[in-house]
C-alpha atoms as a PDB file:
ATOM      1  CA  MET A   1      87.303  99.768  88.646  1.00  0.00           C
ATOM      2  CA  TYR A   2      88.840 102.248  91.068  1.00  0.00           C
ATOM      3  CA  PRO A   3      86.597 102.960  94.103  1.00  0.00           C
ATOM      4  CA  VAL A   4      86.216 106.685  93.396  1.00  0.00           C
ATOM      5  CA  VAL A   5      82.973 107.042  95.359  1.00  0.00           C
ATOM      6  CA  ARG A   6      84.532 105.335  98.388  1.00  0.00           C
ATOM      7  CA  MET A   7      87.586 107.594  98.142  1.00  0.00           C
ATOM      8  CA  PHE A   8      85.443 110.735  98.066  1.00  0.00           C
ATOM      9  CA  TRP A   9      83.441 109.357 100.995  1.00  0.00           C
ATOM     10  CA  GLN A  10      86.638 108.864 103.055  1.00  0.00           C
ATOM     11  CA  LEU A  11      87.881 112.354 102.187  1.00  0.00           C
ATOM     12  CA  PHE A  12      84.478 113.832 103.083  1.00  0.00           C
ATOM     13  CA  LYS A  13      84.221 111.779 106.267  1.00  0.00           C
ATOM     14  CA  HIS A  14      87.654 112.906 107.505  1.00  0.00           C
ATOM     15  CA  ARG A  15      87.534 116.511 106.223  1.00  0.00           C
ATOM     16  CA  ASN A  16      87.127 117.877 109.756  1.00  0.00           C
ATOM     17  CA  SER A  17      89.229 115.284 111.553  1.00  0.00           C
ATOM     18  CA  PRO A  18      92.057 116.805 113.574  1.00  0.00           C
ATOM     19  CA  PRO A  19      95.328 117.400 111.711  1.00  0.00           C
ATOM     20  CA  LEU A  20      98.007 114.751 112.036  1.00  0.00           C
ATOM     21  CA  ALA A  21     101.775 114.939 112.214  1.00  0.00           C
ATOM     22  CA  PRO A  22     103.408 112.971 109.380  1.00  0.00           C
ATOM     23  CA  THR A  23     104.175 110.047 111.691  1.00  0.00           C
ATOM     24  CA  ASP A  24     100.760 109.941 113.409  1.00  0.00           C
ATOM     25  CA  THR A  25      98.326 107.129 112.650  1.00  0.00           C
ATOM     26  CA  HIS A  26      95.183 107.654 110.583  1.00  0.00           C
ATOM     27  CA  VAL A  27      92.438 105.176 111.520  1.00  0.00           C
ATOM     28  CA  SER A  28      89.560 104.421 109.149  1.00  0.00           C
ATOM     29  CA  ARG A  29      86.894 101.744 108.753  1.00  0.00           C
ATOM     30  CA  HIS A  30      85.980  99.935 105.556  1.00  0.00           C
ATOM     31  CA  VAL A  31      83.521  97.245 104.492  1.00  0.00           C
ATOM     32  CA  CYS A  32      84.388  94.427 102.095  1.00  0.00           C
ATOM     33  CA  LEU A  33      81.763  94.830  99.379  1.00  0.00           C
ATOM     34  CA  PRO A  34      80.635  92.218  96.815  1.00  0.00           C
ATOM     35  CA  TRP A  35      82.798  93.742  94.052  1.00  0.00           C
ATOM     36  CA  ASP A  36      85.879  93.444  96.306  1.00  0.00           C
ATOM     37  CA  ILE A  37      85.797  89.657  96.522  1.00  0.00           C
ATOM     38  CA  ASP A  38      87.412  86.936  94.437  1.00  0.00           C
ATOM     39  CA  LEU A  39      86.251  83.445  93.451  1.00  0.00           C
ATOM     40  CA  TRP A  40      86.872  82.228  97.008  1.00  0.00           C
ATOM     41  CA  MET A  41      84.404  84.760  98.417  1.00  0.00           C
ATOM     42  CA  GLU A  42      87.058  86.797 100.227  1.00  0.00           C
ATOM     43  CA  LEU A  43      88.753  90.158  99.729  1.00  0.00           C
ATOM     44  CA  ASN A  44      90.824  89.950  96.560  1.00  0.00           C
ATOM     45  CA  ASN A  45      94.549  90.511  97.136  1.00  0.00           C
ATOM     46  CA  GLY A  46      94.781  93.131  94.370  1.00  0.00           C
ATOM     47  CA  ARG A  47      91.731  94.932  95.686  1.00  0.00           C
ATOM     48  CA  THR A  48      93.394  95.027  99.111  1.00  0.00           C
ATOM     49  CA  LEU A  49      96.141  97.204  97.610  1.00  0.00           C
ATOM     50  CA  THR A  50      93.533  99.497  96.062  1.00  0.00           C
ATOM     51  CA  LEU A  51      91.639  99.778  99.344  1.00  0.00           C
ATOM     52  CA  TYR A  52      94.841 100.824 101.072  1.00  0.00           C
ATOM     53  CA  ASP A  53      94.602 104.024  98.986  1.00  0.00           C
ATOM     54  CA  LEU A  54      91.478 104.791 101.028  1.00  0.00           C
ATOM     55  CA  GLY A  55      93.705 105.103 104.089  1.00  0.00           C
ATOM     56  CA  ARG A  56      96.798 106.714 102.580  1.00  0.00           C
ATOM     57  CA  ILE A  57      95.122 109.614 100.794  1.00  0.00           C
ATOM     58  CA  PRO A  58      93.123 110.788 103.841  1.00  0.00           C
ATOM     59  CA  LEU A  59      96.330 110.388 105.903  1.00  0.00           C
ATOM     60  CA  ALA A  60      98.091 112.693 103.420  1.00  0.00           C
ATOM     61  CA  MET A  61      95.180 115.141 103.603  1.00  0.00           C
ATOM     62  CA  ARG A  62      95.158 115.227 107.409  1.00  0.00           C
ATOM     63  CA  ALA A  63      98.954 115.663 107.533  1.00  0.00           C
ATOM     64  CA  GLY A  64      98.712 118.663 105.164  1.00  0.00           C
ATOM     65  CA  LEU A  65     100.561 116.881 102.371  1.00  0.00           C
ATOM     66  CA  VAL A  66      97.788 117.207  99.774  1.00  0.00           C
ATOM     67  CA  LYS A  67      97.877 121.028 100.032  1.00  0.00           C
ATOM     68  CA  VAL A  68     101.692 121.016  99.772  1.00  0.00           C
ATOM     69  CA  LEU A  69     101.549 118.758  96.708  1.00  0.00           C
ATOM     70  CA  LYS A  70      99.064 121.071  94.970  1.00  0.00           C
ATOM     71  CA  LYS A  71     100.965 124.237  95.910  1.00  0.00           C
ATOM     72  CA  ASN A  72     104.285 122.898  94.590  1.00  0.00           C
ATOM     73  CA  ARG A  73     102.822 120.920  91.685  1.00  0.00           C
ATOM     74  CA  TRP A  74     104.298 117.742  93.100  1.00  0.00           C
ATOM     75  CA  GLY A  75     102.982 114.236  92.719  1.00  0.00           C
ATOM     76  CA  LEU A  76     103.067 111.019  94.714  1.00  0.00           C
ATOM     77  CA  THR A  77     104.256 107.663  93.484  1.00  0.00           C
ATOM     78  CA  MET A  78     104.877 104.216  94.898  1.00  0.00           C
ATOM     79  CA  ALA A  79     108.323 102.721  94.392  1.00  0.00           C
ATOM     80  CA  GLY A  80     107.834  99.367  96.093  1.00  0.00           C
ATOM     81  CA  ALA A  81     105.718  97.377  98.481  1.00  0.00           C
ATOM     82  CA  SER A  82     105.757  94.210 100.537  1.00  0.00           C
ATOM     83  CA  VAL A  83     102.535  92.766 101.896  1.00  0.00           C
ATOM     84  CA  ARG A  84     101.616  89.926 104.246  1.00  0.00           C
ATOM     85  CA  TYR A  85      98.174  88.345 104.059  1.00  0.00           C
ATOM     86  CA  ARG A  86      97.309  86.368 107.199  1.00  0.00           C
ATOM     87  CA  ARG A  87      93.513  86.299 107.726  1.00  0.00           C
ATOM     88  CA  ARG A  88      90.660  86.191 105.264  1.00  0.00           C
ATOM     89  CA  ILE A  89      88.306  89.142 105.010  1.00  0.00           C
ATOM     90  CA  ARG A  90      84.874  87.962 103.916  1.00  0.00           C
ATOM     91  CA  MET A  91      82.122  89.849 102.146  1.00  0.00           C
ATOM     92  CA  PHE A  92      80.449  92.520 104.328  1.00  0.00           C
ATOM     93  CA  GLU A  93      83.091  92.281 107.045  1.00  0.00           C
ATOM     94  CA  THR A  94      84.196  95.630 108.436  1.00  0.00           C
ATOM     95  CA  VAL A  95      87.902  96.207 108.983  1.00  0.00           C
ATOM     96  CA  GLU A  96      89.791  98.917 110.763  1.00  0.00           C
ATOM     97  CA  MET A  97      92.643 100.271 108.667  1.00  0.00           C
ATOM     98  CA  ARG A  98      95.643 101.909 110.307  1.00  0.00           C
ATOM     99  CA  SER A  99      97.969 104.051 108.139  1.00  0.00           C
ATOM    100  CA  ARG A 100     101.150 105.931 109.057  1.00  0.00           C
ATOM    101  CA  ALA A 101     104.585 106.991 107.846  1.00  0.00           C
ATOM    102  CA  VAL A 102     107.263 105.126 109.803  1.00  0.00           C
ATOM    103  CA  TRP A 103     110.526 106.580 108.452  1.00  0.00           C
ATOM    104  CA  TRP A 104     112.184 108.354 105.544  1.00  0.00           C
ATOM    105  CA  ASP A 105     115.625 108.413 104.028  1.00  0.00           C
ATOM    106  CA  ALA A 106     117.182 110.782 101.474  1.00  0.00           C
ATOM    107  CA  ARG A 107     114.725 109.760  98.723  1.00  0.00           C
ATOM    108  CA  PHE A 108     111.762 107.801 100.008  1.00  0.00           C
ATOM    109  CA  VAL A 109     109.100 107.815 102.699  1.00  0.00           C
ATOM    110  CA  TYR A 110     108.209 104.409 104.137  1.00  0.00           C
ATOM    111  CA  LEU A 111     104.576 103.871 105.080  1.00  0.00           C
ATOM    112  CA  GLU A 112     102.920 101.019 106.882  1.00  0.00           C
ATOM    113  CA  GLN A 113      99.287 100.064 106.743  1.00  0.00           C
ATOM    114  CA  SER A 114      97.296  97.254 108.286  1.00  0.00           C
ATOM    115  CA  MET A 115      93.740  95.930 108.296  1.00  0.00           C
ATOM    116  CA  TRP A 116      92.292  94.636 111.557  1.00  0.00           C
ATOM    117  CA  LYS A 117      89.262  92.392 111.942  1.00  0.00           C
ATOM    118  CA  ALA A 118      86.555  92.914 114.562  1.00  0.00           C
ATOM    119  CA  ASP A 119      88.056  90.132 116.709  1.00  0.00           C
ATOM    120  CA  GLY A 120      91.296  92.117 116.985  1.00  0.00           C
ATOM    121  CA  GLU A 121      93.325  89.966 114.589  1.00  0.00           C
ATOM    122  CA  CYS A 122      95.469  91.578 111.920  1.00  0.00           C
ATOM    123  CA  ALA A 123      94.287  90.394 108.496  1.00  0.00           C
ATOM    124  CA  ASN A 124      97.130  91.917 106.460  1.00  0.00           C
ATOM    125  CA  HIS A 125     100.010  94.361 106.714  1.00  0.00           C
ATOM    126  CA  ILE A 126     101.962  96.273 104.083  1.00  0.00           C
ATOM    127  CA  VAL A 127     105.038  98.453 103.915  1.00  0.00           C
ATOM    128  CA  TYR A 128     105.340 100.907 101.019  1.00  0.00           C
ATOM    129  CA  ARG A 129     108.270 102.849  99.642  1.00  0.00           C
ATOM    130  CA  SER A 130     106.790 106.090  98.339  1.00  0.00           C
ATOM    131  CA  ALA A 131     108.206 109.216  96.775  1.00  0.00           C
ATOM    132  CA  VAL A 132     107.126 112.763  96.154  1.00  0.00           C
ATOM    133  CA  THR A 133     107.972 113.761  92.598  1.00  0.00           C
ATOM    134  CA  GLY A 134     108.533 117.121  90.952  1.00  0.00           C
ATOM    135  CA  LYS A 135     109.785 118.423  87.612  1.00  0.00           C
ATOM    136  CA  LYS A 136     113.366 117.428  88.474  1.00  0.00           C
ATOM    137  CA  GLY A 137     112.494 113.951  89.768  1.00  0.00           C
ATOM    138  CA  ILE A 138     112.232 112.798  93.367  1.00  0.00           C
ATOM    139  CA  VAL A 139     111.805 115.565  95.934  1.00  0.00           C
ATOM    140  CA  PRO A 140     113.890 114.809  99.060  1.00  0.00           C
ATOM    141  CA  PRO A 141     111.627 113.960 102.011  1.00  0.00           C
ATOM    142  CA  ASP A 142     113.374 116.548 104.204  1.00  0.00           C
ATOM    143  CA  GLU A 143     112.291 119.219 101.678  1.00  0.00           C
ATOM    144  CA  VAL A 144     108.734 117.853 101.758  1.00  0.00           C
ATOM    145  CA  MET A 145     108.697 117.889 105.572  1.00  0.00           C
ATOM    146  CA  ALA A 146     109.966 121.498 105.553  1.00  0.00           C
ATOM    147  CA  ALA A 147     107.221 122.440 103.084  1.00  0.00           C
ATOM    148  CA  LEU A 148     104.644 121.107 105.554  1.00  0.00           C
ATOM    149  CA  GLY A 149     105.665 124.015 107.775  1.00  0.00           C
ATOM    150  CA  LYS A 150     105.968 121.940 110.907  1.00  0.00           C
ATOM    151  CA  PRO A 151     109.266 120.909 112.435  1.00  0.00           C
ATOM    152  CA  VAL A 152     109.396 117.156 111.967  1.00  0.00           C
ATOM    153  CA  GLU A 153     112.255 115.108 113.285  1.00  0.00           C
ATOM    154  CA  ARG A 154     112.979 111.982 111.300  1.00  0.00           C
ATOM    155  CA  PRO A 155     112.173 108.954 113.451  1.00  0.00           C
ATOM    156  CA  GLU A 156     114.672 106.172 113.885  1.00  0.00           C
ATOM    157  CA  ALA A 157     114.376 103.553 111.167  1.00  0.00           C
ATOM    158  CA  PRO A 158     112.568 100.431 112.367  1.00  0.00           C
ATOM    159  CA  GLU A 159     114.794  97.384 111.994  1.00  0.00           C
ATOM    160  CA  TRP A 160     112.179  95.517 109.953  1.00  0.00           C
ATOM    161  CA  VAL A 161     112.022  98.405 107.448  1.00  0.00           C
ATOM    162  CA  THR A 162     115.793  98.564 106.998  1.00  0.00           C
ATOM    163  CA  ALA A 163     115.880  94.768 106.611  1.00  0.00           C
ATOM    164  CA  TRP A 164     113.262  95.017 103.859  1.00  0.00           C
ATOM    165  CA  ILE A 165     115.230  97.793 102.122  1.00  0.00           C
ATOM    166  CA  GLU A 166     118.405  95.680 102.239  1.00  0.00           C
ATOM    167  CA  ALA A 167     116.619  92.559 100.972  1.00  0.00           C
ATOM    168  CA  ASP A 168     114.908  94.480  98.182  1.00  0.00           C
ATOM    169  CA  ALA A 169     118.263  95.952  97.086  1.00  0.00           C
ATOM    170  CA  LYS A 170     119.521  92.397  96.445  1.00  0.00           C
ATOM    171  CA  ARG A 171     116.635  91.651  94.105  1.00  0.00           C
ATOM    172  CA  PRO A 172     117.849  91.800  90.502  1.00  0.00           C
ATOM    173  CA  TRP A 173     116.689  94.694  88.381  1.00  0.00           C
ATOM    174  CA  PRO A 174     115.682  94.458  85.704  1.00  0.00           C
ATOM    175  CA  PRO A 175     114.466  90.879  86.209  1.00  0.00           C
ATOM    176  CA  MET A 176     115.711  88.160  83.890  1.00  0.00           C
ATOM    177  CA  ARG A 177     113.729  87.472  80.721  1.00  0.00           C
ATOM    178  CA  ASP A 178     113.297  83.858  79.687  1.00  0.00           C
END
């Protein structure tokens, strides 16, 4: 089940947080609850992806994107992701989540998020390819940035993001059916 109550809590909690530029980092804290764990008593990998929503949506709110989406009747979608899991998150552990946009090209915005344990170790890290969508399909990120009303210069693409884009382009689509 989607954590609707937790999402509303994050939006409420950060409603008065200072605005962010699109490439600034949103920091939030989250607790691994009993319904987030798997049979091995740790944060379920699928639930991790759902919990990342709890960082991305408040990031979008603080950057002014949610208002722009509503005004223009645009939507948000994910077009790809790559995640690394490195440390277990156990029940009732608190993690610090860090969320930010790292770059955009002509079609997509690339976001990175990470969860950090209390001892300072990174538990997992993800890069997303996201898109803003409208009636005619994907809205170019430069148009979205202009709609935010703040001059935003596109950052230089991190090498690890461009390497992921290149590797993902070599992946066959559609996949083979046996």
